[in-house]
């Protein structure tokens, strides 16, 4: 289930993703895709902006592991 976050002063998409998901790189694109026009507001979001935080499975957030020895 998607959640809504209302931004405070000086918040960025990366900071919101870090607090909500515990990760940034893997989920930032999903958050931007769920919020058309959000990236056009600039790096620091205006106070009171509504940001939809899509439900992302835990598995999708895990980084891919590299195997150094085959």
C-alpha atoms as a PDB file:
ATOM      1  CA  UNK A   1       0.000   0.000   0.000  1.00  0.00           C
ATOM      2  CA  UNK A   2       1.307   3.416  -0.972  1.00  0.00           C
ATOM      3  CA  UNK A   3       1.897   6.017   1.720  1.00  0.00           C
ATOM      4  CA  UNK A   4       1.854   9.793   1.543  1.00  0.00           C
ATOM      5  CA  UNK A   5       4.616  11.931   3.051  1.00  0.00           C
ATOM      6  CA  UNK A   6       4.217  15.698   3.448  1.00  0.00           C
ATOM      7  CA  UNK A   7       7.591  17.383   3.270  1.00  0.00           C
ATOM      8  CA  UNK A   8       9.059  19.528   5.975  1.00  0.00           C
ATOM      9  CA  UNK A   9      11.491  22.363   5.485  1.00  0.00           C
ATOM     10  CA  UNK A  10      14.645  21.473   3.533  1.00  0.00           C
ATOM     11  CA  UNK A  11      13.734  17.871   2.678  1.00  0.00           C
ATOM     12  CA  UNK A  12      15.055  16.044  -0.365  1.00  0.00           C
ATOM     13  CA  UNK A  13      13.777  12.930  -2.125  1.00  0.00           C
ATOM     14  CA  UNK A  14      16.923  11.048  -1.092  1.00  0.00           C
ATOM     15  CA  UNK A  15      16.424  11.900   2.584  1.00  0.00           C
ATOM     16  CA  UNK A  16      12.776  10.848   2.467  1.00  0.00           C
ATOM     17  CA  UNK A  17      13.720   7.531   0.801  1.00  0.00           C
ATOM     18  CA  UNK A  18      16.434   6.900   3.383  1.00  0.00           C
ATOM     19  CA  UNK A  19      14.075   7.458   6.314  1.00  0.00           C
ATOM     20  CA  UNK A  20      11.158   5.496   4.849  1.00  0.00           C
ATOM     21  CA  UNK A  21      12.893   2.617   3.027  1.00  0.00           C
ATOM     22  CA  UNK A  22      16.358   2.551   4.616  1.00  0.00           C
ATOM     23  CA  UNK A  23      17.896   2.874   1.152  1.00  0.00           C
ATOM     24  CA  UNK A  24      18.162   5.518  -1.533  1.00  0.00           C
ATOM     25  CA  UNK A  25      19.677   4.319  -4.808  1.00  0.00           C
ATOM     26  CA  UNK A  26      17.333   1.401  -5.350  1.00  0.00           C
ATOM     27  CA  UNK A  27      14.106   3.247  -4.556  1.00  0.00           C
ATOM     28  CA  UNK A  28      14.580   6.881  -5.578  1.00  0.00           C
ATOM     29  CA  UNK A  29      13.630   6.154  -9.192  1.00  0.00           C
ATOM     30  CA  UNK A  30      10.459   4.366  -8.067  1.00  0.00           C
ATOM     31  CA  UNK A  31       9.464   7.335  -5.902  1.00  0.00           C
ATOM     32  CA  UNK A  32      10.108   9.775  -8.743  1.00  0.00           C
ATOM     33  CA  UNK A  33       8.095   7.581 -11.134  1.00  0.00           C
ATOM     34  CA  UNK A  34       5.178   7.554  -8.684  1.00  0.00           C
ATOM     35  CA  UNK A  35       5.271  11.363  -8.458  1.00  0.00           C
ATOM     36  CA  UNK A  36       5.259  12.943 -11.939  1.00  0.00           C
ATOM     37  CA  UNK A  37       6.732  16.439 -11.851  1.00  0.00           C
ATOM     38  CA  UNK A  38       8.446  15.978  -8.494  1.00  0.00           C
ATOM     39  CA  UNK A  39      11.937  16.191  -9.979  1.00  0.00           C
ATOM     40  CA  UNK A  40      10.995  19.518 -11.567  1.00  0.00           C
ATOM     41  CA  UNK A  41      10.626  21.082  -8.118  1.00  0.00           C
ATOM     42  CA  UNK A  42      14.399  21.037  -7.578  1.00  0.00           C
ATOM     43  CA  UNK A  43      16.703  19.148  -5.221  1.00  0.00           C
ATOM     44  CA  UNK A  44      15.172  20.644  -2.057  1.00  0.00           C
ATOM     45  CA  UNK A  45      11.419  20.140  -2.090  1.00  0.00           C
ATOM     46  CA  UNK A  46       9.081  22.977  -1.157  1.00  0.00           C
ATOM     47  CA  UNK A  47       7.550  22.818   2.318  1.00  0.00           C
ATOM     48  CA  UNK A  48       4.232  20.949   2.310  1.00  0.00           C
ATOM     49  CA  UNK A  49       4.770  18.965  -0.889  1.00  0.00           C
ATOM     50  CA  UNK A  50       2.867  15.683  -0.933  1.00  0.00           C
ATOM     51  CA  UNK A  51       5.095  12.749  -1.938  1.00  0.00           C
ATOM     52  CA  UNK A  52       3.636   9.323  -2.688  1.00  0.00           C
ATOM     53  CA  UNK A  53       5.856   6.533  -1.346  1.00  0.00           C
ATOM     54  CA  UNK A  54       5.037   3.384  -3.330  1.00  0.00           C
ATOM     55  CA  UNK A  55       5.056  -0.040  -1.725  1.00  0.00           C
ATOM     56  CA  UNK A  56       8.324  -1.705  -2.668  1.00  0.00           C
ATOM     57  CA  UNK A  57       9.046  -5.302  -1.772  1.00  0.00           C
ATOM     58  CA  UNK A  58      11.901  -5.932   0.611  1.00  0.00           C
ATOM     59  CA  UNK A  59      13.561  -8.193  -1.944  1.00  0.00           C
ATOM     60  CA  UNK A  60      13.624  -5.403  -4.534  1.00  0.00           C
ATOM     61  CA  UNK A  61      15.624  -3.247  -2.125  1.00  0.00           C
ATOM     62  CA  UNK A  62      18.455  -5.715  -1.576  1.00  0.00           C
ATOM     63  CA  UNK A  63      21.630  -4.963  -3.520  1.00  0.00           C
ATOM     64  CA  UNK A  64      22.964  -7.559  -5.898  1.00  0.00           C
ATOM     65  CA  UNK A  65      25.894  -9.448  -4.417  1.00  0.00           C
ATOM     66  CA  UNK A  66      28.986 -10.109  -6.475  1.00  0.00           C
ATOM     67  CA  UNK A  67      30.687 -13.480  -6.257  1.00  0.00           C
ATOM     68  CA  UNK A  68      34.442 -13.020  -6.476  1.00  0.00           C
ATOM     69  CA  UNK A  69      35.223 -16.728  -6.684  1.00  0.00           C
ATOM     70  CA  UNK A  70      33.398 -19.076  -9.039  1.00  0.00           C
END
